[in-house]
N, C-alpha and C. Protein backbone atom coordinates (compact mmCIF):
# COMPACT_ATOMS: atom_id res chain seq x y z
N UNK A 1 91.82 23.82 24.97
CA UNK A 1 91.25 24.04 23.63
C UNK A 1 92.68 24.16 22.75
N UNK A 2 92.37 23.46 21.71
CA UNK A 2 93.33 23.49 20.54
C UNK A 2 93.23 24.76 19.45
N UNK A 3 93.89 25.50 19.12
CA UNK A 3 93.93 26.33 18.18
C UNK A 3 93.92 25.58 16.49
N UNK A 4 93.37 26.30 15.77
CA UNK A 4 93.42 25.83 14.66
C UNK A 4 94.42 25.76 13.69
N UNK A 5 94.89 24.74 12.91
CA UNK A 5 96.01 24.82 12.25
C UNK A 5 95.87 24.57 10.70
N UNK A 6 96.48 25.59 9.96
CA UNK A 6 96.02 25.37 8.52
C UNK A 6 96.94 24.78 7.76
N UNK A 7 96.51 23.71 6.96
CA UNK A 7 97.79 22.82 6.45
C UNK A 7 97.83 23.27 4.80
N UNK A 8 99.25 23.74 4.27
CA UNK A 8 99.04 24.20 3.05
C UNK A 8 99.91 23.00 2.36
N UNK A 9 99.38 22.39 1.08
CA UNK A 9 100.52 21.31 0.90
C UNK A 9 100.89 22.38 -0.54
N UNK A 10 102.25 21.86 -0.73
CA UNK A 10 103.06 22.06 -1.82
C UNK A 10 102.59 22.58 -3.10
N UNK A 11 102.11 21.58 -3.61
CA UNK A 11 101.12 21.38 -4.58
C UNK A 11 99.98 22.46 -4.91
N UNK A 12 99.34 22.90 -4.22
CA UNK A 12 98.32 23.67 -4.04
C UNK A 12 98.73 25.08 -4.05
N UNK A 13 100.06 25.44 -3.46
CA UNK A 13 100.51 26.76 -3.50
C UNK A 13 100.74 27.40 -4.98
N UNK A 14 100.11 28.48 -5.14
CA UNK A 14 100.64 29.00 -6.52
C UNK A 14 101.92 29.63 -6.71
N UNK A 15 102.32 29.68 -7.93
CA UNK A 15 103.81 30.51 -7.89
C UNK A 15 103.52 32.08 -8.08
N UNK A 16 104.43 32.62 -8.29
CA UNK A 16 104.48 34.35 -8.23
C UNK A 16 103.16 34.57 -9.60
N UNK A 17 103.62 33.82 -10.57
CA UNK A 17 102.82 34.09 -11.89
C UNK A 17 103.44 35.13 -12.60
N UNK A 18 102.71 36.07 -13.35
CA UNK A 18 103.24 36.88 -13.97
C UNK A 18 103.15 38.12 -13.18
N UNK A 19 104.52 38.73 -13.50
CA UNK A 19 104.97 40.12 -12.58
C UNK A 19 103.62 41.04 -13.01
N UNK A 20 103.54 41.76 -12.02
CA UNK A 20 102.47 42.90 -12.55
C UNK A 20 103.32 44.38 -12.83
N UNK A 21 103.10 44.46 -14.07
CA UNK A 21 103.82 45.72 -14.61
C UNK A 21 103.37 47.16 -13.94
N UNK A 22 104.16 48.06 -13.09
CA UNK A 22 103.84 48.98 -12.84
C UNK A 22 103.80 50.27 -13.78
N UNK A 23 102.55 51.06 -13.49
CA UNK A 23 102.31 51.86 -14.48
C UNK A 23 103.25 53.09 -14.55
N UNK A 24 103.72 53.24 -15.50
CA UNK A 24 104.69 54.35 -15.80
C UNK A 24 104.28 55.48 -16.46
N UNK A 25 104.21 56.77 -15.67
CA UNK A 25 103.97 58.13 -16.09
C UNK A 25 105.22 58.90 -16.27
N UNK A 26 104.99 59.64 -17.34
CA UNK A 26 106.43 60.67 -17.63
C UNK A 26 105.92 61.89 -16.58
N UNK A 27 107.12 62.80 -16.87
CA UNK A 27 107.28 63.59 -15.63
C UNK A 27 105.90 64.94 -15.80
N UNK A 28 106.20 64.96 -17.30
CA UNK A 28 105.00 65.64 -17.99
C UNK A 28 103.49 65.15 -17.76
N UNK A 29 102.92 64.25 -17.68
CA UNK A 29 101.65 63.50 -17.16
C UNK A 29 101.57 63.78 -15.98
N UNK A 30 102.84 63.58 -14.99
CA UNK A 30 102.45 63.69 -13.66
C UNK A 30 102.10 65.11 -13.04
N UNK A 31 103.07 66.09 -14.03
CA UNK A 31 102.86 67.64 -13.68
C UNK A 31 101.25 68.02 -14.07
N UNK A 32 101.03 67.41 -15.27
CA UNK A 32 99.51 67.85 -16.03
C UNK A 32 98.67 67.44 -14.78
N UNK A 33 98.66 66.21 -14.27
CA UNK A 33 97.97 65.73 -13.08
C UNK A 33 97.71 66.59 -12.16
N UNK A 34 99.10 67.08 -11.43
CA UNK A 34 99.14 67.56 -10.20
C UNK A 34 98.42 68.90 -10.66
N UNK A 35 98.58 69.74 -11.59
CA UNK A 35 98.34 71.24 -12.53
C UNK A 35 96.60 70.71 -12.09
N UNK A 36 96.11 69.94 -12.75
CA UNK A 36 94.42 69.62 -12.70
C UNK A 36 94.17 69.93 -11.44
N UNK A 37 94.60 68.76 -10.76
CA UNK A 37 94.14 68.58 -9.24
C UNK A 37 93.90 70.22 -8.72
N UNK A 38 95.20 70.69 -8.63
CA UNK A 38 95.16 72.15 -7.85
C UNK A 38 94.17 73.28 -8.48
N UNK A 39 94.01 73.21 -9.86
CA UNK A 39 93.06 73.94 -10.61
C UNK A 39 91.50 73.91 -9.98
N UNK A 40 91.53 72.56 -9.97
CA UNK A 40 90.05 71.84 -9.56
C UNK A 40 89.93 72.44 -8.10
N UNK A 41 90.93 72.41 -7.27
CA UNK A 41 90.88 72.78 -5.84
C UNK A 41 90.29 74.35 -5.72
N UNK A 42 90.96 75.19 -6.33
CA UNK A 42 91.14 76.45 -6.38
C UNK A 42 89.75 76.92 -7.40
N UNK A 43 88.99 76.11 -8.08
CA UNK A 43 87.84 76.44 -8.63
C UNK A 43 86.70 76.11 -7.49
N UNK A 44 86.94 75.35 -6.98
CA UNK A 44 85.91 74.77 -5.82
C UNK A 44 85.74 75.99 -4.72
N UNK A 45 87.14 76.00 -4.48
CA UNK A 45 87.30 77.24 -3.29
C UNK A 45 86.66 78.61 -3.61
N UNK A 46 86.92 79.10 -4.96
CA UNK A 46 86.56 80.18 -5.26
C UNK A 46 84.87 80.09 -5.53
N UNK A 47 84.38 79.04 -5.93
CA UNK A 47 82.62 78.57 -6.25
C UNK A 47 81.95 78.88 -4.77
N UNK A 48 82.71 78.23 -3.89
CA UNK A 48 82.01 78.18 -2.47
C UNK A 48 82.27 79.40 -1.88
N UNK A 49 83.47 80.35 -1.93
CA UNK A 49 83.42 81.72 -1.45
C UNK A 49 82.41 82.83 -1.95
N UNK A 50 82.29 82.59 -3.59
CA UNK A 50 81.01 83.16 -4.27
C UNK A 50 79.61 82.90 -3.57
N UNK A 51 79.40 81.65 -3.34
CA UNK A 51 78.10 81.17 -2.93
C UNK A 51 77.94 81.58 -1.32
N UNK A 52 79.15 81.80 -0.58
CA UNK A 52 78.83 82.27 0.75
C UNK A 52 78.80 83.85 0.86
N UNK A 53 79.53 84.38 -0.25
CA UNK A 53 79.27 85.80 -0.19
C UNK A 53 77.95 86.24 -0.52
N UNK A 54 77.39 85.79 -1.73
CA UNK A 54 76.01 86.00 -2.02
C UNK A 54 75.22 85.69 -0.82
N UNK A 55 74.90 84.91 -0.06
CA UNK A 55 74.12 84.37 0.77
C UNK A 55 74.32 85.48 1.76
N UNK A 56 75.46 85.75 2.22
CA UNK A 56 75.50 87.16 3.17
C UNK A 56 75.23 88.20 2.81
N UNK A 57 75.19 88.77 1.55
CA UNK A 57 74.66 89.93 1.18
C UNK A 57 73.28 89.79 0.97
N UNK A 58 72.88 88.67 0.81
CA UNK A 58 70.98 88.52 0.89
C UNK A 58 70.72 88.54 1.92
N UNK A 59 71.37 88.02 3.06
CA UNK A 59 70.55 88.17 4.26
C UNK A 59 71.04 89.42 4.90
N UNK A 60 72.00 90.47 4.56
CA UNK A 60 72.26 91.75 5.04
C UNK A 60 71.23 92.58 4.38
N UNK A 61 71.10 92.51 3.31
CA UNK A 61 70.40 93.63 2.56
C UNK A 61 68.78 92.70 2.46
N UNK A 62 68.52 91.82 3.03
CA UNK A 62 66.85 91.25 3.10
C UNK A 62 66.24 92.57 3.65
N UNK A 63 65.00 92.55 3.11
CA UNK A 63 63.81 93.56 3.74
C UNK A 63 63.41 93.16 4.92
N UNK A 64 63.80 93.84 6.13
CA UNK A 64 63.52 93.18 7.46
C UNK A 64 62.32 94.31 7.96
N UNK A 65 61.32 94.18 8.63
CA UNK A 65 60.39 95.25 9.09
C UNK A 65 61.00 95.71 10.44
N UNK A 66 61.02 97.32 10.43
CA UNK A 66 61.62 97.78 11.38
C UNK A 66 60.87 97.59 12.59
N UNK A 67 61.27 97.67 14.03
CA UNK A 67 60.61 97.46 15.13
C UNK A 67 59.28 98.55 15.22
N UNK A 68 59.51 99.79 14.69
CA UNK A 68 58.65 100.73 14.60
C UNK A 68 57.33 100.55 13.76
N UNK A 69 57.68 99.33 12.73
CA UNK A 69 56.73 99.38 11.45
C UNK A 69 55.65 98.02 12.19
N UNK A 70 56.12 97.43 12.94
CA UNK A 70 55.45 96.33 13.43
C UNK A 70 53.94 96.85 14.29
């Protein structure tokens, strides 16, 4: 069984075209993005902790019937 061979003619090959410009960011922009990312992480972490703590207190302080009351 023969393998397939793809023939590319020179006329059909496109050249490199326009070079793609790399996005240039200043140090200030990069630092601002990093600070924003970390701030979001901290906010999400604190919100998650608050929710977990609230749920724990609600289950701890929930009114449960005592065995003698049943």
